Each structure stands twice: as structure tokens, then as C-alpha cells.
Amino acid sequence: GGVNLADMKEPARTQWRRQQIGFIYQFFNLIPTLTVLENVLLPLELNGISEGVGRKDALNLLQEVGLQDRANTFPDRLSGGEQQRVAIVRALIHEPRLVLADEPTGNLDATTGEQILDLLDRLIRKKGHTLIMVTHSAEVASRADRVVRLVGGKIEADQSP
């Protein structure tokens, strides 16, 4: 986006990350003492956006991933696939231009993993945003527009499947 992050002081870089990047973790990283809706609204709160403004968008996104009826549920009451869908909604709620995903299907069974990949693909492409995903799975990588293979911290291959 034309921003040189190296020239920014740490507080400005932190604010830029909060606004421009969404993170999806392999182990979900949902806050257990917050409900699904509260977890989803957290990035907006960190960006200074009131709950009232984001609540409708959060509920709409939860509906899009089939979890609107679980908005007041705590994460420990959800399956792994449901938790990952909440993590995806949380990563997308503030409409980041870049989403970074670390093995987003790594803790899921094959069927749920496919559903999560379909969901990510649909939601990210719909907005025209970018997803960078780390995976060890050749099957997951085959769905990407571009695959960069790293070995020992160095680029071994850079190709479009």
C-alpha cells in the first residue's frame, strides 16, 4: 500500500498491523473468557470502533459461516471447525487487505479442512484481498494462485500451479 514499515515507529507499525492485516492461527487463539461475538468484535475494539458499529457486520459474517446462532457461546463449547470459522471471521471483520494464515487446516479433519479452505477462498476473493498461507500440505497448496516453497529458509521454488 505504499507504506514503508521500516520507517515507522513501533506504535504506528502496531496500529498499521491492526488495521491492515488479519491473522488466522493454527490453534485458533480464541479468548476463552469471551463469547464468539466478543472474540469477533475484538479487532474492531482494538481499532477504536464501537461495538454497536461492528455488531451488525459481525453477526452477518457469523451467519455467512453458519454460526450466527452460536454468537453468545464460549469457544470451549465449539468444535474445532467451528472455532476455526470464528477465527476466520475475527480475522476478516475489520476488512484487512492482507490475511496471514498459519496452517489454518492443520488441526482439522480432512472434510472440515476442505470446508475451511472453501470458506477462506470465498470470503477473501469476494473482497479482492490477499491471503498468504503457510502449509505443509501439497493438497492445500494446490489451491493457491501462487506457491513459494521454502527449504532451510531459502526460496527453492516459486510457481503458479
Protein backbone atom coordinates (compact mmCIF):
# COMPACT_ATOMS: atom_id res chain seq x y z
CA GLY A 1 0.00 0.00 0.00
CA GLY A 2 2.93 2.35 -0.46
CA VAL A 3 3.80 2.35 3.24
CA ASN A 4 7.39 1.77 4.32
CA LEU A 5 7.00 -0.07 7.61
CA ALA A 6 10.72 0.20 8.37
CA ASP A 7 10.35 3.98 8.63
CA MET A 8 7.53 3.73 11.18
CA LYS A 9 7.93 3.80 14.94
CA GLU A 10 6.67 0.70 16.73
CA PRO A 11 3.32 2.16 17.92
CA ALA A 12 2.49 3.28 14.37
CA ARG A 13 3.52 -0.13 12.99
CA THR A 14 1.30 -1.85 15.55
CA GLN A 15 -1.65 0.34 14.58
CA TRP A 16 -0.99 -0.31 10.87
CA ARG A 17 -0.95 -4.10 11.51
CA ARG A 18 -4.21 -3.89 13.46
CA GLN A 19 -5.89 -2.10 10.57
CA GLN A 20 -4.36 -3.79 7.53
CA ILE A 21 -3.66 -7.43 8.50
CA GLY A 22 -5.87 -10.25 9.69
CA PHE A 23 -4.29 -13.26 11.39
CA ILE A 24 -5.60 -16.84 11.37
CA TYR A 25 -3.72 -19.22 13.64
CA GLN A 26 -3.48 -23.00 13.54
CA PHE A 27 -4.62 -23.25 17.16
CA PHE A 28 -7.45 -20.68 16.76
CA ASN A 29 -6.23 -18.40 19.63
CA LEU A 30 -9.76 -17.51 20.66
CA ILE A 31 -10.04 -15.89 24.07
CA PRO A 32 -11.84 -18.46 26.25
CA THR A 33 -13.49 -15.90 28.56
CA LEU A 34 -15.11 -14.06 25.63
CA THR A 35 -18.14 -15.24 23.69
CA VAL A 36 -17.95 -15.92 19.96
CA LEU A 37 -19.33 -12.45 19.24
CA GLU A 38 -16.94 -10.77 21.68
CA ASN A 39 -13.99 -12.61 20.10
CA VAL A 40 -15.09 -11.42 16.65
CA LEU A 41 -15.57 -7.82 17.80
CA LEU A 42 -12.14 -7.64 19.48
CA PRO A 43 -10.19 -6.39 16.41
CA LEU A 44 -12.74 -3.61 15.95
CA GLU A 45 -12.43 -2.62 19.60
CA LEU A 46 -8.63 -2.56 19.28
CA ASN A 47 -9.06 -0.25 16.29
CA GLY A 48 -11.28 2.10 18.28
CA ILE A 49 -14.54 1.12 16.56
CA SER A 50 -17.53 0.89 18.90
CA GLU A 51 -19.30 -2.43 19.40
CA GLY A 52 -22.54 -1.00 18.05
CA VAL A 53 -20.96 -0.15 14.70
CA GLY A 54 -19.45 -3.59 14.14
CA ARG A 55 -22.11 -5.77 15.72
CA LYS A 56 -24.28 -6.00 12.58
CA ASP A 57 -21.27 -6.81 10.37
CA ALA A 58 -20.09 -9.41 12.90
CA LEU A 59 -23.48 -11.10 13.00
CA ASN A 60 -23.69 -11.04 9.20
CA LEU A 61 -20.26 -12.67 8.88
CA LEU A 62 -21.14 -15.24 11.53
CA GLN A 63 -24.30 -16.02 9.56
CA GLU A 64 -22.22 -16.40 6.39
CA VAL A 65 -20.12 -19.08 8.12
CA GLY A 66 -23.15 -20.75 9.70
CA LEU A 67 -22.52 -19.63 13.28
CA GLN A 68 -24.90 -16.74 13.96
CA ASP A 69 -26.82 -18.93 16.43
CA ARG A 70 -23.57 -19.52 18.38
CA ALA A 71 -22.77 -15.81 18.90
CA ASN A 72 -23.28 -15.98 22.66
CA THR A 73 -21.46 -19.29 23.09
CA PHE A 74 -17.99 -19.59 24.62
CA PRO A 75 -15.23 -21.17 22.49
CA ASP A 76 -14.90 -24.30 24.63
CA ARG A 77 -18.44 -25.25 23.57
CA LEU A 78 -17.50 -25.27 19.86
CA SER A 79 -15.98 -27.98 17.67
CA GLY A 80 -12.55 -27.41 16.11
CA GLY A 81 -14.12 -26.49 12.78
CA GLU A 82 -16.48 -24.04 14.45
CA GLN A 83 -13.61 -22.45 16.37
CA GLN A 84 -11.64 -22.05 13.14
CA ARG A 85 -14.64 -20.41 11.45
CA VAL A 86 -14.85 -17.95 14.37
CA ALA A 87 -11.11 -17.28 14.00
CA ILE A 88 -11.63 -16.58 10.28
CA VAL A 89 -14.49 -14.17 10.97
CA ARG A 90 -12.36 -12.43 13.62
CA ALA A 91 -9.52 -12.09 11.09
CA LEU A 92 -11.86 -10.64 8.44
CA ILE A 93 -14.18 -8.42 10.50
CA HIS A 94 -12.07 -5.28 10.04
CA GLU A 95 -11.70 -5.94 6.28
CA PRO A 96 -7.91 -6.23 6.18
CA ARG A 97 -6.19 -6.05 2.82
CA LEU A 98 -3.88 -8.91 3.83
CA VAL A 99 -4.73 -12.10 5.72
CA LEU A 100 -1.92 -14.25 7.10
CA ALA A 101 -2.89 -17.85 7.88
CA ASP A 102 -0.62 -20.32 9.68
CA GLU A 103 -1.72 -23.88 8.86
CA PRO A 104 -5.42 -22.95 9.15
CA THR A 105 -6.48 -26.56 8.48
CA GLY A 106 -3.69 -28.24 10.45
CA ASN A 107 -5.86 -29.16 13.46
CA LEU A 108 -8.91 -30.21 11.48
CA ASP A 109 -10.10 -33.43 9.90
CA ALA A 110 -9.96 -33.60 6.08
CA THR A 111 -13.64 -32.79 5.49
CA THR A 112 -13.67 -29.82 7.87
CA GLY A 113 -10.34 -28.66 6.43
CA GLU A 114 -11.84 -28.61 2.92
CA GLN A 115 -14.81 -26.61 4.19
CA ILE A 116 -12.47 -24.10 5.84
CA LEU A 117 -10.42 -23.72 2.64
CA ASP A 118 -13.60 -23.20 0.60
CA LEU A 119 -14.77 -20.60 3.11
CA LEU A 120 -11.44 -18.75 3.12
CA ASP A 121 -11.30 -18.78 -0.67
CA ARG A 122 -14.85 -17.45 -0.99
CA LEU A 123 -14.60 -14.74 1.66
CA ILE A 124 -11.15 -13.44 0.72
CA ARG A 125 -11.70 -13.46 -3.05
CA LYS A 126 -15.12 -11.84 -2.62
CA LYS A 127 -13.40 -8.78 -1.10
CA GLY A 128 -10.47 -8.88 -3.54
CA HIS A 129 -7.99 -9.20 -0.69
CA THR A 130 -4.78 -11.21 -0.39
CA LEU A 131 -4.22 -14.40 1.60
CA ILE A 132 -0.76 -15.68 2.44
CA MET A 133 -0.97 -19.16 3.91
CA VAL A 134 1.70 -21.37 5.40
CA THR A 135 1.09 -25.08 4.86
CA HIS A 136 2.96 -28.35 4.67
CA SER A 137 0.13 -29.89 2.64
CA ALA A 138 0.65 -30.17 -1.12
CA GLU A 139 -3.13 -30.57 -1.48
CA VAL A 140 -3.78 -27.28 0.32
CA ALA A 141 -1.02 -25.54 -1.64
CA SER A 142 -2.50 -26.74 -4.93
CA ARG A 143 -5.47 -24.43 -4.36
CA ALA A 144 -3.26 -21.33 -4.34
CA ASP A 145 -2.70 -18.90 -7.21
CA ARG A 146 1.00 -18.94 -6.39
CA VAL A 147 3.17 -21.34 -4.37
CA VAL A 148 6.53 -20.41 -2.92
CA ARG A 149 8.43 -23.37 -1.48
CA LEU A 150 10.94 -22.64 1.27
CA VAL A 151 13.70 -25.05 2.28
CA GLY A 152 16.06 -24.07 5.05
CA GLY A 153 14.73 -20.51 4.97
CA LYS A 154 15.54 -20.05 1.28
CA ILE A 155 13.22 -19.99 -1.71
CA GLU A 156 13.54 -23.27 -3.57
CA ALA A 157 10.63 -22.82 -5.98
CA ASP A 158 8.23 -20.05 -6.94
CA GLN A 159 5.45 -21.09 -9.27
CA SER A 160 1.82 -20.84 -10.21
CA PRO A 161 0.10 -24.25 -10.06
